[in-house]
Every structure is written in structure tokens, then in C-alpha cells.
């Protein structure tokens, strides 16, 4: 049986993402299968000014909540502006990228199925 996990996000180690097409992005695995979560993982992304995730697609969905900052979602050839307080559902198989277009750090939670990583 899984144990309770309760922490502050800044207490979880940030990993710099070093992949082609990624700029100024760190990731914190807040809740994952290693914590005993059976279905979903909750991840915190922190994106520096001008930073972005890669333009990509995969066979699982994302549920995203923007905590801070502002940016644009490139989605299937179109761009959509967002800011803190927005939530975004990215269906499986759709091309997407998150870009920080603001002067400060952009932060967002991203939930994915555990079988996606």
C-alpha cells in the first residue's frame, strides 16, 4: 500500500531537461509510480524566459495547469496564448510545444498516465 507523500514542490530535486528542441526547462517529479501512485504522475515544469519544450507528439494525453507566467501553446500548427490560471488538455497523438513568452519564469503542472514513461 502506498504511503502519504506531502512536501513543498521546491523540496523535490529539479532535473534540467537536456533533449534536442528543449531550452531552459527543468522538471520536478512531484508524484510518480515510485511513490506508489498507481495511475498518474504529477510533474512540475519550470521554464525560463525564452525557453520551451520540444515540438513533439506521443500516444498519451496531458492535463496541464499553468501556475505562473505566460506563454504560448503551439498545437497542430496553431498558437494559443495562456497565462497563470489557465488549464489545458492535450489529447494523445497531437503535436504540441509549450513556450515561455513572458519576462519571468513560467511554471506548470503536467499530469500524465504512469504507463507513459
N, C-alpha and C. Protein backbone atom coordinates (compact mmCIF):
# COMPACT_ATOMS: atom_id res chain seq x y z
N UNK A 1 0.84 -1.18 0.00
CA UNK A 1 0.00 0.00 0.00
C UNK A 1 0.89 1.25 0.00
N UNK A 2 0.52 2.23 -0.77
CA UNK A 2 1.29 3.47 -0.88
C UNK A 2 1.20 4.27 0.41
N UNK A 3 2.23 5.04 0.66
CA UNK A 3 2.29 5.91 1.83
C UNK A 3 1.95 7.34 1.43
N UNK A 4 1.48 8.09 2.39
CA UNK A 4 1.21 9.51 2.18
C UNK A 4 2.51 10.22 1.81
N UNK A 5 2.44 11.10 0.84
CA UNK A 5 3.58 11.96 0.49
C UNK A 5 3.06 13.38 0.50
N UNK A 6 3.67 14.22 1.31
CA UNK A 6 3.27 15.61 1.38
C UNK A 6 4.53 16.44 1.58
N UNK A 7 4.81 17.29 0.61
CA UNK A 7 6.02 18.11 0.64
C UNK A 7 5.71 19.44 -0.05
N UNK A 8 6.66 20.32 -0.03
CA UNK A 8 6.61 21.54 -0.84
C UNK A 8 7.38 21.24 -2.13
N UNK A 9 6.89 21.79 -3.23
CA UNK A 9 7.48 21.48 -4.54
C UNK A 9 8.97 21.80 -4.58
N UNK A 10 9.39 22.89 -3.94
CA UNK A 10 10.81 23.27 -4.00
C UNK A 10 11.71 22.26 -3.28
N UNK A 11 11.13 21.37 -2.48
CA UNK A 11 11.91 20.34 -1.79
C UNK A 11 12.23 19.15 -2.69
N UNK A 12 11.56 19.06 -3.83
CA UNK A 12 11.80 17.98 -4.78
C UNK A 12 12.89 18.44 -5.74
N UNK A 13 13.87 17.59 -5.97
CA UNK A 13 15.00 17.95 -6.82
C UNK A 13 14.55 18.28 -8.24
N UNK A 14 15.06 19.39 -8.76
CA UNK A 14 14.78 19.81 -10.13
C UNK A 14 15.83 19.19 -11.05
N UNK A 15 15.35 18.60 -12.14
CA UNK A 15 16.24 18.00 -13.14
C UNK A 15 16.22 18.87 -14.39
N UNK A 16 17.38 19.28 -14.85
CA UNK A 16 17.43 20.03 -16.11
C UNK A 16 17.16 19.07 -17.25
N UNK A 17 16.25 19.44 -18.14
CA UNK A 17 15.94 18.57 -19.28
C UNK A 17 16.91 18.90 -20.40
N UNK A 18 17.61 17.89 -20.84
CA UNK A 18 18.61 18.05 -21.89
C UNK A 18 18.26 17.15 -23.06
N UNK A 19 17.33 17.61 -23.88
CA UNK A 19 16.93 16.89 -25.08
C UNK A 19 16.94 17.87 -26.23
N UNK A 20 17.08 17.35 -27.43
CA UNK A 20 17.02 18.19 -28.61
C UNK A 20 15.68 18.92 -28.65
N UNK A 21 15.71 20.21 -28.93
CA UNK A 21 14.50 21.00 -29.03
C UNK A 21 14.00 21.57 -27.72
N UNK A 22 14.74 21.36 -26.63
CA UNK A 22 14.36 21.87 -25.31
C UNK A 22 15.31 22.99 -24.92
N UNK A 23 14.76 24.08 -24.41
CA UNK A 23 15.56 25.22 -23.95
C UNK A 23 15.06 25.68 -22.59
N UNK A 24 15.95 25.78 -21.61
CA UNK A 24 15.67 26.40 -20.30
C UNK A 24 14.49 25.77 -19.57
N UNK A 25 14.47 24.44 -19.49
CA UNK A 25 13.36 23.74 -18.83
C UNK A 25 13.91 22.81 -17.75
N UNK A 26 13.31 22.90 -16.56
CA UNK A 26 13.59 21.93 -15.50
C UNK A 26 12.29 21.20 -15.15
N UNK A 27 12.46 20.03 -14.57
CA UNK A 27 11.34 19.14 -14.24
C UNK A 27 11.49 18.65 -12.81
N UNK A 28 10.39 18.67 -12.08
CA UNK A 28 10.32 18.09 -10.73
C UNK A 28 9.22 17.03 -10.74
N UNK A 29 9.57 15.78 -10.44
CA UNK A 29 8.59 14.69 -10.35
C UNK A 29 7.95 14.77 -8.97
N UNK A 30 6.79 15.43 -8.86
CA UNK A 30 6.15 15.61 -7.56
C UNK A 30 5.53 14.32 -7.05
N UNK A 31 4.79 13.63 -7.90
CA UNK A 31 4.18 12.34 -7.55
C UNK A 31 4.34 11.42 -8.75
N UNK A 32 4.81 10.19 -8.50
CA UNK A 32 5.03 9.26 -9.61
C UNK A 32 4.80 7.82 -9.13
N UNK A 33 4.99 6.90 -10.04
CA UNK A 33 4.81 5.49 -9.67
C UNK A 33 5.80 5.07 -8.60
N UNK A 34 6.96 5.74 -8.50
CA UNK A 34 7.91 5.39 -7.44
C UNK A 34 7.38 5.76 -6.05
N UNK A 35 6.35 6.61 -6.01
CA UNK A 35 5.69 6.95 -4.75
C UNK A 35 4.51 6.03 -4.46
N UNK A 36 4.23 5.11 -5.38
CA UNK A 36 3.11 4.20 -5.23
C UNK A 36 1.83 4.69 -5.90
N UNK A 37 1.92 5.79 -6.66
CA UNK A 37 0.74 6.29 -7.38
C UNK A 37 0.43 5.32 -8.51
N UNK A 38 -0.72 4.68 -8.53
CA UNK A 38 -0.99 3.62 -9.49
C UNK A 38 -1.36 4.07 -10.90
N UNK A 39 -1.82 5.31 -11.05
CA UNK A 39 -2.40 5.68 -12.33
C UNK A 39 -1.73 6.86 -13.02
N UNK A 40 -1.49 7.96 -12.28
CA UNK A 40 -0.97 9.18 -12.88
C UNK A 40 0.29 9.66 -12.20
N UNK A 41 1.09 10.44 -12.95
CA UNK A 41 2.24 11.16 -12.41
C UNK A 41 1.95 12.65 -12.49
N UNK A 42 2.36 13.38 -11.46
CA UNK A 42 2.24 14.83 -11.44
C UNK A 42 3.65 15.41 -11.51
N UNK A 43 3.86 16.24 -12.53
CA UNK A 43 5.17 16.82 -12.76
C UNK A 43 5.06 18.34 -12.76
N UNK A 44 6.10 19.00 -12.25
CA UNK A 44 6.17 20.45 -12.26
C UNK A 44 7.27 20.85 -13.23
N UNK A 45 6.89 21.61 -14.26
CA UNK A 45 7.85 22.14 -15.22
C UNK A 45 8.09 23.61 -14.91
N UNK A 46 9.35 24.02 -14.97
CA UNK A 46 9.74 25.41 -14.78
C UNK A 46 10.52 25.81 -16.03
N UNK A 47 10.03 26.84 -16.70
CA UNK A 47 10.58 27.24 -17.99
C UNK A 47 11.07 28.68 -17.90
N UNK A 48 12.35 28.89 -18.17
CA UNK A 48 12.92 30.23 -18.12
C UNK A 48 12.46 31.08 -19.29
N UNK A 49 12.67 32.39 -19.18
CA UNK A 49 12.28 33.30 -20.28
C UNK A 49 12.89 32.85 -21.61
N UNK A 50 12.06 32.77 -22.62
CA UNK A 50 12.52 32.32 -23.94
C UNK A 50 12.65 30.81 -24.06
N UNK A 51 12.39 30.09 -22.99
CA UNK A 51 12.52 28.63 -23.01
C UNK A 51 11.30 27.95 -23.59
N UNK A 52 11.46 26.65 -23.89
CA UNK A 52 10.36 25.88 -24.48
C UNK A 52 10.62 24.39 -24.41
N UNK A 53 9.53 23.65 -24.48
CA UNK A 53 9.61 22.20 -24.64
C UNK A 53 9.81 21.92 -26.14
N UNK A 54 10.11 20.67 -26.51
CA UNK A 54 10.25 20.38 -27.94
C UNK A 54 8.88 20.30 -28.63
N UNK A 55 8.86 20.53 -29.91
CA UNK A 55 7.66 20.30 -30.69
C UNK A 55 7.59 18.79 -30.90
N UNK A 56 6.56 18.16 -30.34
CA UNK A 56 6.51 16.69 -30.35
C UNK A 56 5.08 16.19 -30.24
N UNK A 57 4.93 14.88 -30.37
CA UNK A 57 3.66 14.20 -30.16
C UNK A 57 3.96 12.83 -29.56
N UNK A 58 2.97 12.28 -28.86
CA UNK A 58 3.10 10.95 -28.26
C UNK A 58 1.71 10.38 -28.03
N UNK A 59 1.67 9.14 -27.61
CA UNK A 59 0.40 8.41 -27.54
C UNK A 59 -0.26 8.47 -26.16
N UNK A 60 -0.04 9.54 -25.44
CA UNK A 60 -0.74 9.73 -24.18
C UNK A 60 -1.15 11.19 -24.04
N UNK A 61 -2.16 11.40 -23.24
CA UNK A 61 -2.69 12.74 -23.02
C UNK A 61 -1.87 13.49 -21.97
N UNK A 62 -2.06 14.81 -21.95
CA UNK A 62 -1.54 15.67 -20.89
C UNK A 62 -2.71 16.43 -20.29
N UNK A 63 -2.70 16.59 -18.99
CA UNK A 63 -3.55 17.56 -18.32
C UNK A 63 -2.60 18.58 -17.71
N UNK A 64 -2.75 19.85 -18.07
CA UNK A 64 -1.80 20.90 -17.70
C UNK A 64 -2.53 22.02 -16.96
N UNK A 65 -1.89 22.54 -15.91
CA UNK A 65 -2.40 23.72 -15.21
C UNK A 65 -1.26 24.72 -15.08
N UNK A 66 -1.48 25.94 -15.58
CA UNK A 66 -0.45 26.98 -15.56
C UNK A 66 -0.47 27.66 -14.20
N UNK A 67 0.63 27.57 -13.48
CA UNK A 67 0.74 28.14 -12.14
C UNK A 67 1.25 29.58 -12.16
N UNK A 68 2.20 29.88 -13.04
CA UNK A 68 2.83 31.20 -13.06
C UNK A 68 3.34 31.51 -14.46
N UNK A 69 3.38 32.80 -14.77
CA UNK A 69 3.94 33.24 -16.04
C UNK A 69 2.93 33.24 -17.16
N UNK A 70 3.48 33.34 -18.36
CA UNK A 70 2.65 33.37 -19.56
C UNK A 70 3.40 32.69 -20.68
N UNK A 71 2.66 32.28 -21.70
CA UNK A 71 3.31 31.61 -22.80
C UNK A 71 2.37 31.36 -23.95
N UNK A 72 2.85 30.53 -24.86
CA UNK A 72 2.06 30.10 -26.00
C UNK A 72 2.18 28.59 -26.15
N UNK A 73 1.05 28.00 -26.48
CA UNK A 73 1.00 26.58 -26.81
C UNK A 73 0.97 26.48 -28.33
N UNK A 74 1.97 25.85 -28.91
CA UNK A 74 1.93 25.52 -30.33
C UNK A 74 1.23 24.17 -30.41
N UNK A 75 0.12 24.12 -31.15
CA UNK A 75 -0.72 22.92 -31.16
C UNK A 75 -1.24 22.70 -32.58
N UNK A 76 -0.77 21.62 -33.19
CA UNK A 76 -1.27 21.22 -34.50
C UNK A 76 -1.23 22.38 -35.51
N UNK A 77 -0.11 23.14 -35.51
CA UNK A 77 0.07 24.21 -36.49
C UNK A 77 -0.53 25.54 -36.12
N UNK A 78 -1.14 25.64 -34.95
CA UNK A 78 -1.71 26.91 -34.47
C UNK A 78 -1.07 27.28 -33.14
N UNK A 79 -1.15 28.55 -32.76
CA UNK A 79 -0.62 29.01 -31.47
C UNK A 79 -1.74 29.59 -30.62
N UNK A 80 -1.69 29.29 -29.33
CA UNK A 80 -2.69 29.76 -28.38
C UNK A 80 -1.98 30.37 -27.17
N UNK A 81 -2.34 31.60 -26.82
CA UNK A 81 -1.75 32.25 -25.66
C UNK A 81 -2.38 31.72 -24.37
N UNK A 82 -1.56 31.66 -23.31
CA UNK A 82 -2.07 31.27 -22.00
C UNK A 82 -1.32 32.04 -20.92
N UNK A 83 -1.88 32.03 -19.73
CA UNK A 83 -1.27 32.69 -18.57
C UNK A 83 -1.68 31.92 -17.31
N UNK A 84 -1.11 32.33 -16.18
CA UNK A 84 -1.41 31.68 -14.90
C UNK A 84 -2.92 31.58 -14.72
N UNK A 85 -3.37 30.41 -14.31
CA UNK A 85 -4.78 30.14 -14.10
C UNK A 85 -5.44 29.37 -15.23
N UNK A 86 -4.79 29.32 -16.39
CA UNK A 86 -5.35 28.53 -17.48
C UNK A 86 -5.10 27.04 -17.23
N UNK A 87 -5.98 26.21 -17.73
CA UNK A 87 -5.73 24.76 -17.79
C UNK A 87 -5.85 24.33 -19.24
N UNK A 88 -5.13 23.26 -19.58
CA UNK A 88 -5.03 22.82 -20.98
C UNK A 88 -5.10 21.30 -21.02
N UNK A 89 -5.92 20.78 -21.91
CA UNK A 89 -5.96 19.34 -22.17
C UNK A 89 -5.36 19.12 -23.55
N UNK A 90 -4.27 18.34 -23.61
CA UNK A 90 -3.64 17.99 -24.88
C UNK A 90 -3.94 16.52 -25.14
N UNK A 91 -4.80 16.21 -26.12
CA UNK A 91 -5.12 14.81 -26.41
C UNK A 91 -3.92 14.03 -26.94
N UNK A 92 -3.98 12.73 -26.81
CA UNK A 92 -2.92 11.85 -27.32
C UNK A 92 -2.75 12.03 -28.82
N UNK A 93 -1.51 11.92 -29.27
CA UNK A 93 -1.21 11.94 -30.70
C UNK A 93 -1.18 13.31 -31.35
N UNK A 94 -1.35 14.39 -30.60
CA UNK A 94 -1.39 15.74 -31.17
C UNK A 94 -0.05 16.44 -30.98
N UNK A 95 0.41 17.11 -32.03
CA UNK A 95 1.68 17.82 -31.98
C UNK A 95 1.53 19.06 -31.09
N UNK A 96 2.51 19.27 -30.20
CA UNK A 96 2.43 20.40 -29.27
C UNK A 96 3.80 20.81 -28.73
N UNK A 97 3.83 22.05 -28.25
CA UNK A 97 5.03 22.59 -27.59
C UNK A 97 4.56 23.74 -26.69
N UNK A 98 5.16 23.85 -25.51
CA UNK A 98 4.91 24.95 -24.60
C UNK A 98 6.09 25.92 -24.65
N UNK A 99 5.79 27.21 -24.87
CA UNK A 99 6.83 28.23 -24.95
C UNK A 99 6.57 29.34 -23.93
N UNK A 100 7.63 29.77 -23.25
CA UNK A 100 7.53 30.90 -22.33
C UNK A 100 7.74 32.17 -23.14
N UNK A 101 6.73 33.03 -23.19
CA UNK A 101 6.82 34.29 -23.92
C UNK A 101 6.89 35.49 -22.99
N UNK A 102 6.94 35.25 -21.70
CA UNK A 102 6.96 36.34 -20.73
C UNK A 102 8.35 36.67 -20.23
N UNK A 103 8.44 37.71 -19.40
CA UNK A 103 9.74 38.15 -18.89
C UNK A 103 10.25 37.33 -17.72
N UNK A 104 9.38 36.57 -17.06
CA UNK A 104 9.78 35.78 -15.90
C UNK A 104 9.62 34.30 -16.14
N UNK A 105 9.81 33.53 -15.08
CA UNK A 105 9.68 32.08 -15.16
C UNK A 105 8.22 31.68 -15.35
N UNK A 106 8.01 30.67 -16.17
CA UNK A 106 6.70 30.07 -16.37
C UNK A 106 6.72 28.72 -15.66
N UNK A 107 5.66 28.44 -14.90
CA UNK A 107 5.57 27.17 -14.18
C UNK A 107 4.24 26.52 -14.50
N UNK A 108 4.28 25.20 -14.74
CA UNK A 108 3.03 24.49 -14.94
C UNK A 108 3.10 23.07 -14.43
N UNK A 109 1.95 22.61 -13.94
CA UNK A 109 1.80 21.20 -13.57
C UNK A 109 1.37 20.44 -14.80
N UNK A 110 1.89 19.24 -14.96
CA UNK A 110 1.52 18.39 -16.08
C UNK A 110 1.30 16.98 -15.52
N UNK A 111 0.10 16.47 -15.74
CA UNK A 111 -0.23 15.12 -15.31
C UNK A 111 -0.27 14.20 -16.51
N UNK A 112 0.35 13.04 -16.37
CA UNK A 112 0.39 12.04 -17.44
C UNK A 112 0.13 10.66 -16.85
N UNK A 113 -0.33 9.73 -17.67
CA UNK A 113 -0.51 8.35 -17.18
C UNK A 113 0.84 7.73 -16.83
N UNK A 114 0.86 6.92 -15.80
CA UNK A 114 2.11 6.28 -15.37
C UNK A 114 2.72 5.39 -16.45
N UNK A 115 1.92 4.81 -17.32
CA UNK A 115 2.49 3.93 -18.34
C UNK A 115 3.12 4.70 -19.50
N UNK A 116 3.19 6.03 -19.41
CA UNK A 116 3.76 6.84 -20.49
C UNK A 116 5.26 7.07 -20.35
N UNK A 117 5.85 6.68 -19.23
CA UNK A 117 7.29 6.92 -19.04
C UNK A 117 7.97 5.70 -18.48
